[in-house]
Amino acid sequence: MNGSVKISVVVFTYNQQDTIGQALDSVICQQGDFELEVVVGEDCSKDNTWNICNEYQKRYPNVVRLLPNEKNLGIMGNFARTAKACTGDYLAILAGDDYWCDEHKLQKQLHFMQEHPEYGVVCTNGYRLMVHTGKLMEGIAPLHPIPDGDVRGYYHDRFGGVYAMPLSLLIRRDLMQYVDLDAYIRLGFPVEDYPMQSVLAHHTRFGYLPDKTCVYRVHQESATFVSYDHPRYLAYHKGLADIRRYLHNLFPDDVPFSEEWAADYVFYKEFLLYLYHLEYRKACALLKQAPSCICQTQHYGKAKQAVKTRVHFVAMSFYKRIVHHRNIQKQTI
């Protein structure tokens, strides 16, 4: 690979000894007219991940750069410091449990960017690998690409989720000046891709290639599927509300938000947590403590109806469990 253009690949990993080798191999094998830089952020894993990454750095000293891992930073801190260490003209992203399946992925995306300078981000199609079944399924976000690449409306109208899967992206690195990763860490955001893509969408267009270039491993315990059994379920949803507030402050005319909405959102997520685990007393106490701005909402009305009696509560819990598991199965089977 030779060329005047340099592409940096952010590889961030933690406790992924079984998959990090495949991830790195899929990046190093990329073919094209560009210089490749692979910056690896290993976050003090408790398994053999560090040693594997170190071996790749020794084997490919002119390509792979392994950052020091003096202390565990968490996924947000690790991603931020790895992205900041990149020096390329373009930036690609890969988590240590995913991989690319097209050795021309970066070249195809680079060609698109060079042919369409009005686009600062380009994503591709790909596959989902269902870890618990081993099944490979076609299709990752965006399942319905926006033709003109103006994806601002996607983030204005929807809450949570991303337009494109991060492992499929190629980003013009100068656009990262608008992404304040330090703020994401300071504010304790649970994810980086949702706010990052929303900010980028306000400064550039997103291109799309239908080529299937990458494989996203789907784990039911991953952030994508934060279930009622997840220990950080409530913190995750509070974090999503914080992200929405942050985006509203950046783009007040575009991103709708109110503190009343945030309070109602978190209230109902907490109620559903108690409902799922059949914690009737906690659910009743939550309704009694609800602020006046919530008491007139539709969510409050549903919750009040559910705690009318224990029988109502158990019946609603059973129904919600069925719906929840069906939704998970649709995404992971």
C-alpha atoms as a PDB file:
ATOM      1  CA  MET A   1       0.000   0.000   0.000  1.00  0.00           C
ATOM      2  CA  ASN A   2       1.522   3.247  -1.130  1.00  0.00           C
ATOM      3  CA  GLY A   3      -0.029   6.623  -1.678  1.00  0.00           C
ATOM      4  CA  SER A   4      -0.151  10.208  -0.575  1.00  0.00           C
ATOM      5  CA  VAL A   5      -3.367   9.554   1.370  1.00  0.00           C
ATOM      6  CA  LYS A   6      -3.123   8.113   4.864  1.00  0.00           C
ATOM      7  CA  ILE A   7      -5.941   6.173   6.509  1.00  0.00           C
ATOM      8  CA  SER A   8      -5.916   5.603  10.258  1.00  0.00           C
ATOM      9  CA  VAL A   9      -7.913   2.754  11.741  1.00  0.00           C
ATOM     10  CA  VAL A  10      -9.047   3.018  15.373  1.00  0.00           C
ATOM     11  CA  VAL A  11      -9.062  -0.447  16.932  1.00  0.00           C
ATOM     12  CA  PHE A  12     -10.291  -0.445  20.527  1.00  0.00           C
ATOM     13  CA  THR A  13     -10.394  -3.613  22.548  1.00  0.00           C
ATOM     14  CA  TYR A  14     -10.878  -5.078  26.021  1.00  0.00           C
ATOM     15  CA  ASN A  15     -10.930  -8.770  27.026  1.00  0.00           C
ATOM     16  CA  GLN A  16     -11.254  -9.946  23.419  1.00  0.00           C
ATOM     17  CA  GLN A  17      -8.447 -12.479  23.115  1.00  0.00           C
ATOM     18  CA  ASP A  18     -10.610 -14.791  20.994  1.00  0.00           C
ATOM     19  CA  THR A  19     -11.464 -12.188  18.349  1.00  0.00           C
ATOM     20  CA  ILE A  20      -8.825  -9.438  18.316  1.00  0.00           C
ATOM     21  CA  GLY A  21      -6.518 -11.394  16.000  1.00  0.00           C
ATOM     22  CA  GLN A  22      -9.215 -11.739  13.357  1.00  0.00           C
ATOM     23  CA  ALA A  23     -10.066  -8.048  13.713  1.00  0.00           C
ATOM     24  CA  LEU A  24      -6.456  -6.946  13.214  1.00  0.00           C
ATOM     25  CA  ASP A  25      -5.893  -9.381  10.331  1.00  0.00           C
ATOM     26  CA  SER A  26      -8.933  -7.970   8.535  1.00  0.00           C
ATOM     27  CA  VAL A  27      -7.459  -4.462   8.762  1.00  0.00           C
ATOM     28  CA  ILE A  28      -3.848  -5.299   7.909  1.00  0.00           C
ATOM     29  CA  CYS A  29      -4.896  -7.186   4.767  1.00  0.00           C
ATOM     30  CA  GLN A  30      -6.530  -4.066   3.273  1.00  0.00           C
ATOM     31  CA  GLN A  31      -5.375  -3.362  -0.278  1.00  0.00           C
ATOM     32  CA  GLY A  32      -5.277   0.029  -1.967  1.00  0.00           C
ATOM     33  CA  ASP A  33      -3.441   3.170  -2.959  1.00  0.00           C
ATOM     34  CA  PHE A  34      -3.000   4.634   0.511  1.00  0.00           C
ATOM     35  CA  GLU A  35      -0.782   4.473   3.565  1.00  0.00           C
ATOM     36  CA  LEU A  36      -2.299   2.487   6.430  1.00  0.00           C
ATOM     37  CA  GLU A  37      -1.966   3.246  10.127  1.00  0.00           C
ATOM     38  CA  VAL A  38      -3.557   0.925  12.708  1.00  0.00           C
ATOM     39  CA  VAL A  39      -3.784   2.509  16.162  1.00  0.00           C
ATOM     40  CA  VAL A  40      -4.725  -0.015  18.842  1.00  0.00           C
ATOM     41  CA  GLY A  41      -6.203   1.016  22.175  1.00  0.00           C
ATOM     42  CA  GLU A  42      -5.997  -1.979  24.535  1.00  0.00           C
ATOM     43  CA  ASP A  43      -7.747  -1.151  27.809  1.00  0.00           C
ATOM     44  CA  CYS A  44      -5.884  -3.223  30.422  1.00  0.00           C
ATOM     45  CA  SER A  45      -7.566  -6.510  29.602  1.00  0.00           C
ATOM     46  CA  LYS A  46      -7.620  -9.300  32.152  1.00  0.00           C
ATOM     47  CA  ASP A  47      -7.024 -11.946  29.493  1.00  0.00           C
ATOM     48  CA  ASN A  48      -4.354 -12.339  26.783  1.00  0.00           C
ATOM     49  CA  THR A  49      -5.545  -9.460  24.569  1.00  0.00           C
ATOM     50  CA  TRP A  50      -2.566  -7.199  25.340  1.00  0.00           C
ATOM     51  CA  ASN A  51      -0.027  -9.876  24.437  1.00  0.00           C
ATOM     52  CA  ILE A  52      -1.776 -10.611  21.156  1.00  0.00           C
ATOM     53  CA  CYS A  53      -1.849  -6.916  20.225  1.00  0.00           C
ATOM     54  CA  ASN A  54       1.811  -6.559  21.179  1.00  0.00           C
ATOM     55  CA  GLU A  55       2.724  -9.446  18.882  1.00  0.00           C
ATOM     56  CA  TYR A  56       0.986  -7.709  15.977  1.00  0.00           C
ATOM     57  CA  GLN A  57       2.929  -4.524  16.706  1.00  0.00           C
ATOM     58  CA  LYS A  58       6.188  -6.485  16.601  1.00  0.00           C
ATOM     59  CA  ARG A  59       5.160  -8.251  13.421  1.00  0.00           C
ATOM     60  CA  TYR A  60       3.981  -5.067  11.645  1.00  0.00           C
ATOM     61  CA  PRO A  61       6.021  -2.261  13.256  1.00  0.00           C
ATOM     62  CA  ASN A  62       5.440   0.152  10.370  1.00  0.00           C
ATOM     63  CA  VAL A  63       1.672  -0.317  10.422  1.00  0.00           C
ATOM     64  CA  VAL A  64       0.461  -1.212  13.927  1.00  0.00           C
ATOM     65  CA  ARG A  65       0.908   1.179  16.847  1.00  0.00           C
ATOM     66  CA  LEU A  66      -0.162  -0.166  20.247  1.00  0.00           C
ATOM     67  CA  LEU A  67      -0.896   2.555  22.792  1.00  0.00           C
ATOM     68  CA  PRO A  68       0.265   2.206  26.421  1.00  0.00           C
ATOM     69  CA  ASN A  69      -2.308   0.786  28.832  1.00  0.00           C
ATOM     70  CA  GLU A  70      -1.399   2.170  32.234  1.00  0.00           C
ATOM     71  CA  LYS A  71      -4.948   1.982  33.592  1.00  0.00           C
ATOM     72  CA  ASN A  72      -8.418   0.920  32.525  1.00  0.00           C
ATOM     73  CA  LEU A  73     -10.225   3.862  30.917  1.00  0.00           C
ATOM     74  CA  GLY A  74     -13.555   2.300  30.005  1.00  0.00           C
ATOM     75  CA  ILE A  75     -14.915   2.090  26.487  1.00  0.00           C
ATOM     76  CA  MET A  76     -15.475   5.840  26.102  1.00  0.00           C
ATOM     77  CA  GLY A  77     -12.071   6.889  27.429  1.00  0.00           C
ATOM     78  CA  ASN A  78     -10.276   4.188  25.465  1.00  0.00           C
ATOM     79  CA  PHE A  79     -12.015   5.109  22.220  1.00  0.00           C
ATOM     80  CA  ALA A  80     -11.299   8.807  22.732  1.00  0.00           C
ATOM     81  CA  ARG A  81      -7.576   8.444  23.381  1.00  0.00           C
ATOM     82  CA  THR A  82      -7.199   6.030  20.456  1.00  0.00           C
ATOM     83  CA  ALA A  83      -9.028   8.303  18.017  1.00  0.00           C
ATOM     84  CA  LYS A  84      -6.956  11.283  19.160  1.00  0.00           C
ATOM     85  CA  ALA A  85      -3.729   9.361  18.525  1.00  0.00           C
ATOM     86  CA  CYS A  86      -4.557   8.907  14.839  1.00  0.00           C
ATOM     87  CA  THR A  87      -2.706  11.001  12.261  1.00  0.00           C
ATOM     88  CA  GLY A  88      -4.343  10.014   8.971  1.00  0.00           C
ATOM     89  CA  ASP A  89      -6.369  12.037   6.496  1.00  0.00           C
ATOM     90  CA  TYR A  90      -9.251   9.627   7.046  1.00  0.00           C
ATOM     91  CA  LEU A  91     -10.460   7.662  10.045  1.00  0.00           C
ATOM     92  CA  ALA A  92     -12.006   4.191  10.194  1.00  0.00           C
ATOM     93  CA  ILE A  93     -13.273   2.409  13.308  1.00  0.00           C
ATOM     94  CA  LEU A  94     -13.248  -1.215  14.395  1.00  0.00           C
ATOM     95  CA  ALA A  95     -14.058  -2.795  17.763  1.00  0.00           C
ATOM     96  CA  GLY A  96     -11.937  -5.770  18.739  1.00  0.00           C
ATOM     97  CA  ASP A  97     -14.812  -8.241  18.475  1.00  0.00           C
ATOM     98  CA  ASP A  98     -15.827  -7.270  14.931  1.00  0.00           C
ATOM     99  CA  TYR A  99     -13.993  -7.658  11.617  1.00  0.00           C
ATOM    100  CA  TRP A 100     -13.972  -6.617   7.975  1.00  0.00           C
ATOM    101  CA  CYS A 101     -14.654  -9.177   5.252  1.00  0.00           C
ATOM    102  CA  ASP A 102     -13.611  -7.218   2.154  1.00  0.00           C
ATOM    103  CA  GLU A 103      -9.912  -6.484   1.661  1.00  0.00           C
ATOM    104  CA  HIS A 104     -10.853  -3.556  -0.591  1.00  0.00           C
ATOM    105  CA  LYS A 105     -13.201  -1.917   1.928  1.00  0.00           C
ATOM    106  CA  LEU A 106     -11.043   1.132   2.571  1.00  0.00           C
ATOM    107  CA  GLN A 107     -10.079   1.578  -1.087  1.00  0.00           C
ATOM    108  CA  LYS A 108     -13.717   1.523  -2.193  1.00  0.00           C
ATOM    109  CA  GLN A 109     -14.618   4.111   0.421  1.00  0.00           C
ATOM    110  CA  LEU A 110     -11.599   6.270  -0.370  1.00  0.00           C
ATOM    111  CA  HIS A 111     -12.513   6.242  -4.071  1.00  0.00           C
ATOM    112  CA  PHE A 112     -16.053   7.339  -3.205  1.00  0.00           C
ATOM    113  CA  MET A 113     -14.777  10.220  -1.068  1.00  0.00           C
ATOM    114  CA  GLN A 114     -12.378  11.373  -3.745  1.00  0.00           C
ATOM    115  CA  GLU A 115     -15.121  11.248  -6.384  1.00  0.00           C
ATOM    116  CA  HIS A 116     -17.658  12.991  -4.109  1.00  0.00           C
ATOM    117  CA  PRO A 117     -15.853  15.661  -2.050  1.00  0.00           C
ATOM    118  CA  GLU A 118     -19.166  16.998  -0.738  1.00  0.00           C
ATOM    119  CA  TYR A 119     -19.388  13.860   1.435  1.00  0.00           C
ATOM    120  CA  GLY A 120     -17.296  13.670   4.605  1.00  0.00           C
ATOM    121  CA  VAL A 121     -18.464  10.239   5.771  1.00  0.00           C
ATOM    122  CA  VAL A 122     -19.206   7.068   3.833  1.00  0.00           C
ATOM    123  CA  CYS A 123     -20.624   3.806   5.193  1.00  0.00           C
ATOM    124  CA  THR A 124     -21.209   0.368   3.701  1.00  0.00           C
ATOM    125  CA  ASN A 125     -23.476  -2.619   4.075  1.00  0.00           C
ATOM    126  CA  GLY A 126     -22.394  -5.727   5.966  1.00  0.00           C
ATOM    127  CA  TYR A 127     -23.358  -8.765   7.990  1.00  0.00           C
ATOM    128  CA  ARG A 128     -24.499  -9.521  11.539  1.00  0.00           C
ATOM    129  CA  LEU A 129     -22.970 -12.571  13.194  1.00  0.00           C
ATOM    130  CA  MET A 130     -25.304 -13.918  15.883  1.00  0.00           C
ATOM    131  CA  VAL A 131     -22.815 -15.150  18.458  1.00  0.00           C
ATOM    132  CA  HIS A 132     -25.174 -17.440  20.362  1.00  0.00           C
ATOM    133  CA  THR A 133     -26.263 -19.281  17.193  1.00  0.00           C
ATOM    134  CA  GLY A 134     -23.279 -18.738  14.865  1.00  0.00           C
ATOM    135  CA  LYS A 135     -25.677 -17.549  12.173  1.00  0.00           C
ATOM    136  CA  LEU A 136     -24.503 -14.926   9.666  1.00  0.00           C
ATOM    137  CA  MET A 137     -27.251 -12.546   8.537  1.00  0.00           C
ATOM    138  CA  GLU A 138     -27.115  -9.949   5.796  1.00  0.00           C
ATOM    139  CA  GLY A 139     -27.805  -6.313   6.500  1.00  0.00           C
ATOM    140  CA  ILE A 140     -26.607  -3.691   8.969  1.00  0.00           C
ATOM    141  CA  ALA A 141     -27.650  -0.067   9.475  1.00  0.00           C
ATOM    142  CA  PRO A 142     -28.478   1.861   7.424  1.00  0.00           C
ATOM    143  CA  LEU A 143     -31.134  -0.553   6.200  1.00  0.00           C
ATOM    144  CA  HIS A 144     -32.816   2.361   4.423  1.00  0.00           C
ATOM    145  CA  PRO A 145     -30.044   4.693   3.200  1.00  0.00           C
ATOM    146  CA  ILE A 146     -30.994   8.340   2.734  1.00  0.00           C
ATOM    147  CA  PRO A 147     -30.338   9.134  -0.948  1.00  0.00           C
ATOM    148  CA  ASP A 148     -28.956  12.663  -0.563  1.00  0.00           C
ATOM    149  CA  GLY A 149     -26.856  11.783   2.488  1.00  0.00           C
ATOM    150  CA  ASP A 150     -28.398  14.485   4.688  1.00  0.00           C
ATOM    151  CA  VAL A 151     -29.067  12.395   7.786  1.00  0.00           C
ATOM    152  CA  ARG A 152     -29.724  15.225  10.239  1.00  0.00           C
ATOM    153  CA  GLY A 153     -33.424  14.457  10.227  1.00  0.00           C
ATOM    154  CA  TYR A 154     -32.698  10.890  11.310  1.00  0.00           C
ATOM    155  CA  TYR A 155     -31.222  12.195  14.557  1.00  0.00           C
ATOM    156  CA  HIS A 156     -33.824  14.924  15.001  1.00  0.00           C
ATOM    157  CA  ASP A 157     -36.759  12.541  14.773  1.00  0.00           C
ATOM    158  CA  ARG A 158     -35.334   9.454  16.489  1.00  0.00           C
ATOM    159  CA  PHE A 159     -33.972   8.840  19.941  1.00  0.00           C
ATOM    160  CA  GLY A 160     -30.990   6.539  20.403  1.00  0.00           C
ATOM    161  CA  GLY A 161     -29.492   4.274  17.806  1.00  0.00           C
ATOM    162  CA  VAL A 162     -27.233   5.231  14.918  1.00  0.00           C
ATOM    163  CA  TYR A 163     -27.782   5.824  11.227  1.00  0.00           C
ATOM    164  CA  ALA A 164     -24.773   3.680  10.271  1.00  0.00           C
ATOM    165  CA  MET A 165     -22.787   0.994  12.088  1.00  0.00           C
ATOM    166  CA  PRO A 166     -19.438   2.433  13.248  1.00  0.00           C
ATOM    167  CA  LEU A 167     -17.354  -0.449  11.849  1.00  0.00           C
ATOM    168  CA  SER A 168     -18.563   0.432   8.339  1.00  0.00           C
ATOM    169  CA  LEU A 169     -17.579   4.105   8.443  1.00  0.00           C
ATOM    170  CA  LEU A 170     -14.789   6.053   6.792  1.00  0.00           C
ATOM    171  CA  ILE A 171     -14.614   9.629   8.094  1.00  0.00           C
ATOM    172  CA  ARG A 172     -12.648  12.615   6.846  1.00  0.00           C
ATOM    173  CA  ARG A 173     -10.548  13.206   9.940  1.00  0.00           C
ATOM    174  CA  ASP A 174     -10.697  17.013   9.860  1.00  0.00           C
ATOM    175  CA  LEU A 175     -14.415  16.688  10.675  1.00  0.00           C
ATOM    176  CA  MET A 176     -13.519  15.198  14.054  1.00  0.00           C
ATOM    177  CA  GLN A 177     -12.715  18.719  15.233  1.00  0.00           C
ATOM    178  CA  TYR A 178     -16.468  19.115  15.777  1.00  0.00           C
ATOM    179  CA  VAL A 179     -16.685  15.973  17.948  1.00  0.00           C
ATOM    180  CA  ASP A 180     -15.870  16.759  21.587  1.00  0.00           C
ATOM    181  CA  LEU A 181     -14.905  13.333  22.910  1.00  0.00           C
ATOM    182  CA  ASP A 182     -13.660  14.869  26.159  1.00  0.00           C
ATOM    183  CA  ALA A 183     -17.173  16.152  26.811  1.00  0.00           C
ATOM    184  CA  TYR A 184     -18.578  12.679  26.208  1.00  0.00           C
ATOM    185  CA  ILE A 185     -16.250  11.347  28.911  1.00  0.00           C
ATOM    186  CA  ARG A 186     -16.914  14.220  31.312  1.00  0.00           C
ATOM    187  CA  LEU A 187     -20.680  13.845  30.942  1.00  0.00           C
ATOM    188  CA  GLY A 188     -20.530  10.079  31.326  1.00  0.00           C
ATOM    189  CA  PHE A 189     -22.184   9.152  28.032  1.00  0.00           C
ATOM    190  CA  PRO A 190     -22.801   5.379  27.776  1.00  0.00           C
ATOM    191  CA  VAL A 191     -22.058   5.310  24.020  1.00  0.00           C
ATOM    192  CA  GLU A 192     -19.937   7.383  21.666  1.00  0.00           C
ATOM    193  CA  ASP A 193     -21.355   6.524  18.246  1.00  0.00           C
ATOM    194  CA  TYR A 194     -24.822   8.064  18.665  1.00  0.00           C
ATOM    195  CA  PRO A 195     -23.663  11.589  19.635  1.00  0.00           C
ATOM    196  CA  MET A 196     -20.650  11.446  17.301  1.00  0.00           C
ATOM    197  CA  GLN A 197     -22.670  10.614  14.219  1.00  0.00           C
ATOM    198  CA  SER A 198     -25.320  13.162  15.116  1.00  0.00           C
ATOM    199  CA  VAL A 199     -22.693  15.904  15.340  1.00  0.00           C
ATOM    200  CA  LEU A 200     -21.022  14.815  12.104  1.00  0.00           C
ATOM    201  CA  ALA A 201     -24.414  14.839  10.372  1.00  0.00           C
ATOM    202  CA  HIS A 202     -24.671  18.568  11.069  1.00  0.00           C
ATOM    203  CA  HIS A 203     -21.384  19.232   9.274  1.00  0.00           C
ATOM    204  CA  THR A 204     -21.360  16.859   6.311  1.00  0.00           C
ATOM    205  CA  ARG A 205     -23.275  14.323   4.247  1.00  0.00           C
ATOM    206  CA  PHE A 206     -23.131  10.543   4.684  1.00  0.00           C
ATOM    207  CA  GLY A 207     -22.409   8.520   1.549  1.00  0.00           C
ATOM    208  CA  TYR A 208     -23.407   4.882   1.180  1.00  0.00           C
ATOM    209  CA  LEU A 209     -21.953   1.862  -0.628  1.00  0.00           C
ATOM    210  CA  PRO A 210     -24.076  -1.313  -0.878  1.00  0.00           C
ATOM    211  CA  ASP A 211     -20.995  -3.547  -0.712  1.00  0.00           C
ATOM    212  CA  LYS A 212     -20.963  -5.942   2.260  1.00  0.00           C
ATOM    213  CA  THR A 213     -17.566  -5.186   3.755  1.00  0.00           C
ATOM    214  CA  CYS A 214     -17.810  -5.941   7.474  1.00  0.00           C
ATOM    215  CA  VAL A 215     -19.156  -8.291  10.115  1.00  0.00           C
ATOM    216  CA  TYR A 216     -20.733  -7.074  13.355  1.00  0.00           C
ATOM    217  CA  ARG A 217     -20.869  -9.601  16.171  1.00  0.00           C
ATOM    218  CA  VAL A 218     -24.175  -9.421  18.009  1.00  0.00           C
ATOM    219  CA  HIS A 219     -23.995 -10.286  21.707  1.00  0.00           C
ATOM    220  CA  GLN A 220     -27.177 -10.146  23.770  1.00  0.00           C
ATOM    221  CA  GLU A 221     -25.163  -8.654  26.619  1.00  0.00           C
ATOM    222  CA  SER A 222     -23.685  -5.869  24.468  1.00  0.00           C
ATOM    223  CA  ALA A 223     -24.679  -2.202  24.679  1.00  0.00           C
ATOM    224  CA  THR A 224     -26.915  -2.723  21.664  1.00  0.00           C
ATOM    225  CA  PHE A 225     -29.151  -4.962  23.754  1.00  0.00           C
ATOM    226  CA  VAL A 226     -29.218  -3.417  27.215  1.00  0.00           C
ATOM    227  CA  SER A 227     -31.949  -5.565  28.732  1.00  0.00           C
ATOM    228  CA  TYR A 228     -33.800  -5.325  32.031  1.00  0.00           C
ATOM    229  CA  ASP A 229     -31.305  -7.810  33.488  1.00  0.00           C
ATOM    230  CA  HIS A 230     -28.322  -5.637  32.611  1.00  0.00           C
ATOM    231  CA  PRO A 231     -26.755  -4.093  35.765  1.00  0.00           C
ATOM    232  CA  ARG A 232     -26.434  -0.706  34.049  1.00  0.00           C
ATOM    233  CA  TYR A 233     -29.907  -0.683  32.490  1.00  0.00           C
ATOM    234  CA  LEU A 234     -31.111   2.462  34.242  1.00  0.00           C
ATOM    235  CA  ALA A 235     -27.754   4.276  33.977  1.00  0.00           C
ATOM    236  CA  TYR A 236     -27.718   3.517  30.249  1.00  0.00           C
ATOM    237  CA  HIS A 237     -31.107   5.129  29.669  1.00  0.00           C
ATOM    238  CA  LYS A 238     -30.272   8.114  31.864  1.00  0.00           C
ATOM    239  CA  GLY A 239     -27.175   8.472  29.712  1.00  0.00           C
ATOM    240  CA  LEU A 240     -29.236   8.483  26.523  1.00  0.00           C
ATOM    241  CA  ALA A 241     -31.348  11.300  27.946  1.00  0.00           C
ATOM    242  CA  ASP A 242     -28.143  13.182  28.793  1.00  0.00           C
ATOM    243  CA  ILE A 243     -26.953  12.766  25.209  1.00  0.00           C
ATOM    244  CA  ARG A 244     -30.240  14.163  23.899  1.00  0.00           C
ATOM    245  CA  ARG A 245     -29.879  17.183  26.211  1.00  0.00           C
ATOM    246  CA  TYR A 246     -26.311  17.699  24.985  1.00  0.00           C
ATOM    247  CA  LEU A 247     -27.341  17.555  21.325  1.00  0.00           C
ATOM    248  CA  HIS A 248     -30.196  19.963  21.973  1.00  0.00           C
ATOM    249  CA  ASN A 249     -27.761  22.436  23.521  1.00  0.00           C
ATOM    250  CA  LEU A 250     -25.573  22.167  20.413  1.00  0.00           C
ATOM    251  CA  PHE A 251     -28.417  22.330  17.907  1.00  0.00           C
ATOM    252  CA  PRO A 252     -31.408  23.896  19.723  1.00  0.00           C
ATOM    253  CA  ASP A 253     -33.341  24.593  16.533  1.00  0.00           C
ATOM    254  CA  ASP A 254     -33.003  21.022  15.278  1.00  0.00           C
ATOM    255  CA  VAL A 255     -32.988  18.561  18.178  1.00  0.00           C
ATOM    256  CA  PRO A 256     -36.177  18.640  20.275  1.00  0.00           C
ATOM    257  CA  PHE A 257     -35.759  18.266  24.028  1.00  0.00           C
ATOM    258  CA  SER A 258     -37.304  19.331  27.315  1.00  0.00           C
ATOM    259  CA  GLU A 259     -36.505  18.501  30.920  1.00  0.00           C
ATOM    260  CA  GLU A 260     -40.094  17.307  31.319  1.00  0.00           C
ATOM    261  CA  TRP A 261     -39.578  14.834  28.479  1.00  0.00           C
ATOM    262  CA  ALA A 262     -36.306  13.601  30.023  1.00  0.00           C
ATOM    263  CA  ALA A 263     -37.925  13.130  33.438  1.00  0.00           C
ATOM    264  CA  ASP A 264     -40.821  11.221  31.891  1.00  0.00           C
ATOM    265  CA  TYR A 265     -38.477   9.031  29.822  1.00  0.00           C
ATOM    266  CA  VAL A 266     -36.322   8.050  32.810  1.00  0.00           C
ATOM    267  CA  PHE A 267     -39.399   7.593  35.030  1.00  0.00           C
ATOM    268  CA  TYR A 268     -40.978   5.095  32.644  1.00  0.00           C
ATOM    269  CA  LYS A 269     -37.722   3.193  32.088  1.00  0.00           C
ATOM    270  CA  GLU A 270     -37.378   2.813  35.846  1.00  0.00           C
ATOM    271  CA  PHE A 271     -40.999   1.704  36.149  1.00  0.00           C
ATOM    272  CA  LEU A 272     -40.488  -0.931  33.430  1.00  0.00           C
ATOM    273  CA  LEU A 273     -37.450  -2.212  35.326  1.00  0.00           C
ATOM    274  CA  TYR A 274     -39.553  -2.760  38.463  1.00  0.00           C
ATOM    275  CA  LEU A 275     -42.367  -4.228  36.389  1.00  0.00           C
ATOM    276  CA  TYR A 276     -40.087  -6.723  34.691  1.00  0.00           C
ATOM    277  CA  HIS A 277     -38.670  -7.897  38.023  1.00  0.00           C
ATOM    278  CA  LEU A 278     -42.098  -7.932  39.735  1.00  0.00           C
ATOM    279  CA  GLU A 279     -41.047  -5.344  42.323  1.00  0.00           C
ATOM    280  CA  TYR A 280     -44.546  -4.095  43.111  1.00  0.00           C
ATOM    281  CA  ARG A 281     -43.678  -2.006  46.168  1.00  0.00           C
ATOM    282  CA  LYS A 282     -40.873  -0.165  44.394  1.00  0.00           C
ATOM    283  CA  ALA A 283     -43.162   0.552  41.460  1.00  0.00           C
ATOM    284  CA  CYS A 284     -45.835   1.988  43.745  1.00  0.00           C
ATOM    285  CA  ALA A 285     -43.256   4.113  45.570  1.00  0.00           C
ATOM    286  CA  LEU A 286     -41.980   5.445  42.243  1.00  0.00           C
ATOM    287  CA  LEU A 287     -45.455   6.673  41.297  1.00  0.00           C
ATOM    288  CA  LYS A 288     -45.933   8.344  44.670  1.00  0.00           C
ATOM    289  CA  GLN A 289     -42.633  10.192  44.314  1.00  0.00           C
ATOM    290  CA  ALA A 290     -43.203  11.247  40.703  1.00  0.00           C
ATOM    291  CA  PRO A 291     -42.980  15.038  40.153  1.00  0.00           C
ATOM    292  CA  SER A 292     -46.096  16.886  39.011  1.00  0.00           C
ATOM    293  CA  CYS A 293     -44.776  17.326  35.469  1.00  0.00           C
ATOM    294  CA  ILE A 294     -44.957  13.550  35.002  1.00  0.00           C
ATOM    295  CA  CYS A 295     -48.358  12.901  36.573  1.00  0.00           C
ATOM    296  CA  GLN A 296     -50.235  14.042  33.474  1.00  0.00           C
ATOM    297  CA  THR A 297     -48.227  12.017  30.966  1.00  0.00           C
ATOM    298  CA  GLN A 298     -49.334   8.923  29.090  1.00  0.00           C
ATOM    299  CA  HIS A 299     -46.529   6.901  30.659  1.00  0.00           C
ATOM    300  CA  TYR A 300     -47.697   7.800  34.148  1.00  0.00           C
ATOM    301  CA  GLY A 301     -51.231   6.756  33.237  1.00  0.00           C
ATOM    302  CA  LYS A 302     -50.038   3.371  32.005  1.00  0.00           C
ATOM    303  CA  ALA A 303     -47.968   2.851  35.134  1.00  0.00           C
ATOM    304  CA  LYS A 304     -50.851   3.847  37.395  1.00  0.00           C
ATOM    305  CA  GLN A 305     -53.145   1.390  35.670  1.00  0.00           C
ATOM    306  CA  ALA A 306     -50.560  -1.396  36.031  1.00  0.00           C
ATOM    307  CA  VAL A 307     -50.224  -0.959  39.813  1.00  0.00           C
ATOM    308  CA  LYS A 308     -53.983  -0.815  40.360  1.00  0.00           C
ATOM    309  CA  THR A 309     -53.706  -4.254  41.951  1.00  0.00           C
ATOM    310  CA  ARG A 310     -51.012  -6.885  42.263  1.00  0.00           C
ATOM    311  CA  VAL A 311     -52.933  -9.002  39.752  1.00  0.00           C
ATOM    312  CA  HIS A 312     -52.814  -6.184  37.200  1.00  0.00           C
ATOM    313  CA  PHE A 313     -49.111  -5.758  37.904  1.00  0.00           C
ATOM    314  CA  VAL A 314     -48.260  -9.442  37.427  1.00  0.00           C
ATOM    315  CA  ALA A 315     -50.344  -9.651  34.247  1.00  0.00           C
ATOM    316  CA  MET A 316     -48.661  -6.575  32.771  1.00  0.00           C
ATOM    317  CA  SER A 317     -45.229  -7.938  33.734  1.00  0.00           C
ATOM    318  CA  PHE A 318     -45.953 -11.225  31.982  1.00  0.00           C
ATOM    319  CA  TYR A 319     -47.074  -9.378  28.852  1.00  0.00           C
ATOM    320  CA  LYS A 320     -44.016  -7.101  28.822  1.00  0.00           C
ATOM    321  CA  ARG A 321     -41.698 -10.078  29.209  1.00  0.00           C
ATOM    322  CA  ILE A 322     -43.209 -11.738  26.145  1.00  0.00           C
ATOM    323  CA  VAL A 323     -42.889  -8.576  24.070  1.00  0.00           C
ATOM    324  CA  HIS A 324     -39.324  -7.966  25.265  1.00  0.00           C
ATOM    325  CA  HIS A 325     -38.112 -11.449  24.389  1.00  0.00           C
ATOM    326  CA  ARG A 326     -39.812 -11.336  20.993  1.00  0.00           C
ATOM    327  CA  ASN A 327     -38.022  -8.062  20.197  1.00  0.00           C
ATOM    328  CA  ILE A 328     -34.660  -9.553  21.207  1.00  0.00           C
ATOM    329  CA  GLN A 329     -35.281 -12.646  19.095  1.00  0.00           C
ATOM    330  CA  LYS A 330     -36.135 -10.562  16.027  1.00  0.00           C
ATOM    331  CA  GLN A 331     -32.732  -8.918  16.249  1.00  0.00           C
ATOM    332  CA  THR A 332     -30.592 -11.899  17.230  1.00  0.00           C
ATOM    333  CA  ILE A 333     -32.053 -15.013  15.578  1.00  0.00           C
END
